[in-house]
Amino acid sequence: MIRELALVAGAAYAALALLELAQRHIIPAEGALAAALLVAIALLHWASDGQRLKGREMAALWACIALFGLYALLRAGGIL
């Protein structure tokens, strides 16, 4: 049941990202990328092997942390 809920939640958030994209045409690449990433993360739970799932979840977690750190550095540097 958790797999199905994760997929539904990912699809719902992807739909919201696409709706936001449709309303604000300023960032089409970012909106499409966000929707694709949300669906990809939701599909992680369909891995058949528990060890592989844990590895993918950890990779996704560290990617989020790295992106947050990059955003903080760009923001502090005045680029964003």
C-alpha atoms as a PDB file:
ATOM      1  CA  MET A   1       0.000   0.000   0.000  1.00  0.00           C
ATOM      2  CA  ILE A   2       2.902   2.367   0.676  1.00  0.00           C
ATOM      3  CA  ARG A   3       4.129   1.928  -2.894  1.00  0.00           C
ATOM      4  CA  GLU A   4       0.763   2.948  -4.301  1.00  0.00           C
ATOM      5  CA  LEU A   5       0.470   5.938  -1.955  1.00  0.00           C
ATOM      6  CA  ALA A   6       3.986   7.112  -2.856  1.00  0.00           C
ATOM      7  CA  LEU A   7       3.142   6.855  -6.542  1.00  0.00           C
ATOM      8  CA  VAL A   8      -0.158   8.717  -6.119  1.00  0.00           C
ATOM      9  CA  ALA A   9       1.542  11.440  -4.058  1.00  0.00           C
ATOM     10  CA  GLY A  10       4.321  11.776  -6.640  1.00  0.00           C
ATOM     11  CA  ALA A  11       1.791  12.006  -9.448  1.00  0.00           C
ATOM     12  CA  ALA A  12      -0.232  14.605  -7.522  1.00  0.00           C
ATOM     13  CA  TYR A  13       2.831  16.757  -6.876  1.00  0.00           C
ATOM     14  CA  ALA A  14       3.900  16.358 -10.504  1.00  0.00           C
ATOM     15  CA  ALA A  15       0.443  17.498 -11.597  1.00  0.00           C
ATOM     16  CA  LEU A  16       0.740  20.534  -9.318  1.00  0.00           C
ATOM     17  CA  ALA A  17       4.176  21.327 -10.792  1.00  0.00           C
ATOM     18  CA  LEU A  18       2.735  21.102 -14.306  1.00  0.00           C
ATOM     19  CA  LEU A  19      -0.230  23.262 -13.304  1.00  0.00           C
ATOM     20  CA  GLU A  20       2.183  25.855 -11.934  1.00  0.00           C
ATOM     21  CA  LEU A  21       4.125  25.570 -15.188  1.00  0.00           C
ATOM     22  CA  ALA A  22       0.964  26.226 -17.189  1.00  0.00           C
ATOM     23  CA  GLN A  23       0.141  29.318 -15.132  1.00  0.00           C
ATOM     24  CA  ARG A  24       3.648  30.807 -15.115  1.00  0.00           C
ATOM     25  CA  HIS A  25       5.503  30.421 -18.360  1.00  0.00           C
ATOM     26  CA  ILE A  26       8.721  31.929 -17.041  1.00  0.00           C
ATOM     27  CA  ILE A  27      10.387  28.703 -15.983  1.00  0.00           C
ATOM     28  CA  PRO A  28       9.230  25.918 -18.314  1.00  0.00           C
ATOM     29  CA  ALA A  29      12.383  23.808 -18.048  1.00  0.00           C
ATOM     30  CA  GLU A  30      12.387  23.882 -14.259  1.00  0.00           C
ATOM     31  CA  GLY A  31       8.697  22.983 -14.015  1.00  0.00           C
ATOM     32  CA  ALA A  32       9.032  20.044 -16.377  1.00  0.00           C
ATOM     33  CA  LEU A  33      12.183  18.866 -14.606  1.00  0.00           C
ATOM     34  CA  ALA A  34      10.491  19.118 -11.209  1.00  0.00           C
ATOM     35  CA  ALA A  35       7.525  17.072 -12.431  1.00  0.00           C
ATOM     36  CA  ALA A  36       9.812  14.414 -13.914  1.00  0.00           C
ATOM     37  CA  LEU A  37      11.897  14.210 -10.743  1.00  0.00           C
ATOM     38  CA  LEU A  38       8.801  13.850  -8.565  1.00  0.00           C
ATOM     39  CA  VAL A  39       7.551  10.944 -10.648  1.00  0.00           C
ATOM     40  CA  ALA A  40      11.022   9.348 -10.706  1.00  0.00           C
ATOM     41  CA  ILE A  41      11.320   9.590  -6.926  1.00  0.00           C
ATOM     42  CA  ALA A  42       7.844   8.097  -6.508  1.00  0.00           C
ATOM     43  CA  LEU A  43       8.824   5.215  -8.783  1.00  0.00           C
ATOM     44  CA  LEU A  44      11.804   4.391  -6.551  1.00  0.00           C
ATOM     45  CA  HIS A  45       9.464   2.444  -4.299  1.00  0.00           C
ATOM     46  CA  TRP A  46       8.740  -0.052  -7.061  1.00  0.00           C
ATOM     47  CA  ALA A  47      12.234  -1.550  -6.774  1.00  0.00           C
ATOM     48  CA  SER A  48      12.003  -5.288  -6.189  1.00  0.00           C
ATOM     49  CA  ASP A  49      15.111  -5.607  -4.053  1.00  0.00           C
ATOM     50  CA  GLY A  50      15.105  -3.966  -0.615  1.00  0.00           C
ATOM     51  CA  GLN A  51      18.863  -3.338  -0.677  1.00  0.00           C
ATOM     52  CA  ARG A  52      18.642  -1.658  -4.088  1.00  0.00           C
ATOM     53  CA  LEU A  53      15.723   0.459  -2.851  1.00  0.00           C
ATOM     54  CA  LYS A  54      17.732   1.594   0.173  1.00  0.00           C
ATOM     55  CA  GLY A  55      20.672   2.524  -2.049  1.00  0.00           C
ATOM     56  CA  ARG A  56      18.465   4.530  -4.387  1.00  0.00           C
ATOM     57  CA  GLU A  57      16.738   6.274  -1.498  1.00  0.00           C
ATOM     58  CA  MET A  58      20.102   7.227  -0.004  1.00  0.00           C
ATOM     59  CA  ALA A  59      21.314   8.508  -3.382  1.00  0.00           C
ATOM     60  CA  ALA A  60      18.155  10.615  -3.732  1.00  0.00           C
ATOM     61  CA  LEU A  61      18.549  11.933  -0.190  1.00  0.00           C
ATOM     62  CA  TRP A  62      22.170  12.966  -0.747  1.00  0.00           C
ATOM     63  CA  ALA A  63      21.263  14.531  -4.092  1.00  0.00           C
ATOM     64  CA  CYS A  64      18.656  16.656  -2.297  1.00  0.00           C
ATOM     65  CA  ILE A  65      21.176  17.672   0.343  1.00  0.00           C
ATOM     66  CA  ALA A  66      23.765  18.542  -2.313  1.00  0.00           C
ATOM     67  CA  LEU A  67      21.267  20.594  -4.303  1.00  0.00           C
ATOM     68  CA  PHE A  68      20.181  22.445  -1.173  1.00  0.00           C
ATOM     69  CA  GLY A  69      23.836  23.191  -0.390  1.00  0.00           C
ATOM     70  CA  LEU A  70      24.426  24.392  -3.959  1.00  0.00           C
ATOM     71  CA  TYR A  71      21.365  26.627  -3.720  1.00  0.00           C
ATOM     72  CA  ALA A  72      22.632  28.072  -0.427  1.00  0.00           C
ATOM     73  CA  LEU A  73      26.049  28.785  -1.929  1.00  0.00           C
ATOM     74  CA  LEU A  74      24.555  30.414  -5.025  1.00  0.00           C
ATOM     75  CA  ARG A  75      22.201  32.447  -2.872  1.00  0.00           C
ATOM     76  CA  ALA A  76      24.998  33.554  -0.525  1.00  0.00           C
ATOM     77  CA  GLY A  77      27.205  34.425  -3.491  1.00  0.00           C
ATOM     78  CA  GLY A  78      24.552  36.717  -4.912  1.00  0.00           C
ATOM     79  CA  ILE A  79      24.028  34.671  -8.065  1.00  0.00           C
ATOM     80  CA  LEU A  80      20.410  33.864  -7.206  1.00  0.00           C
END
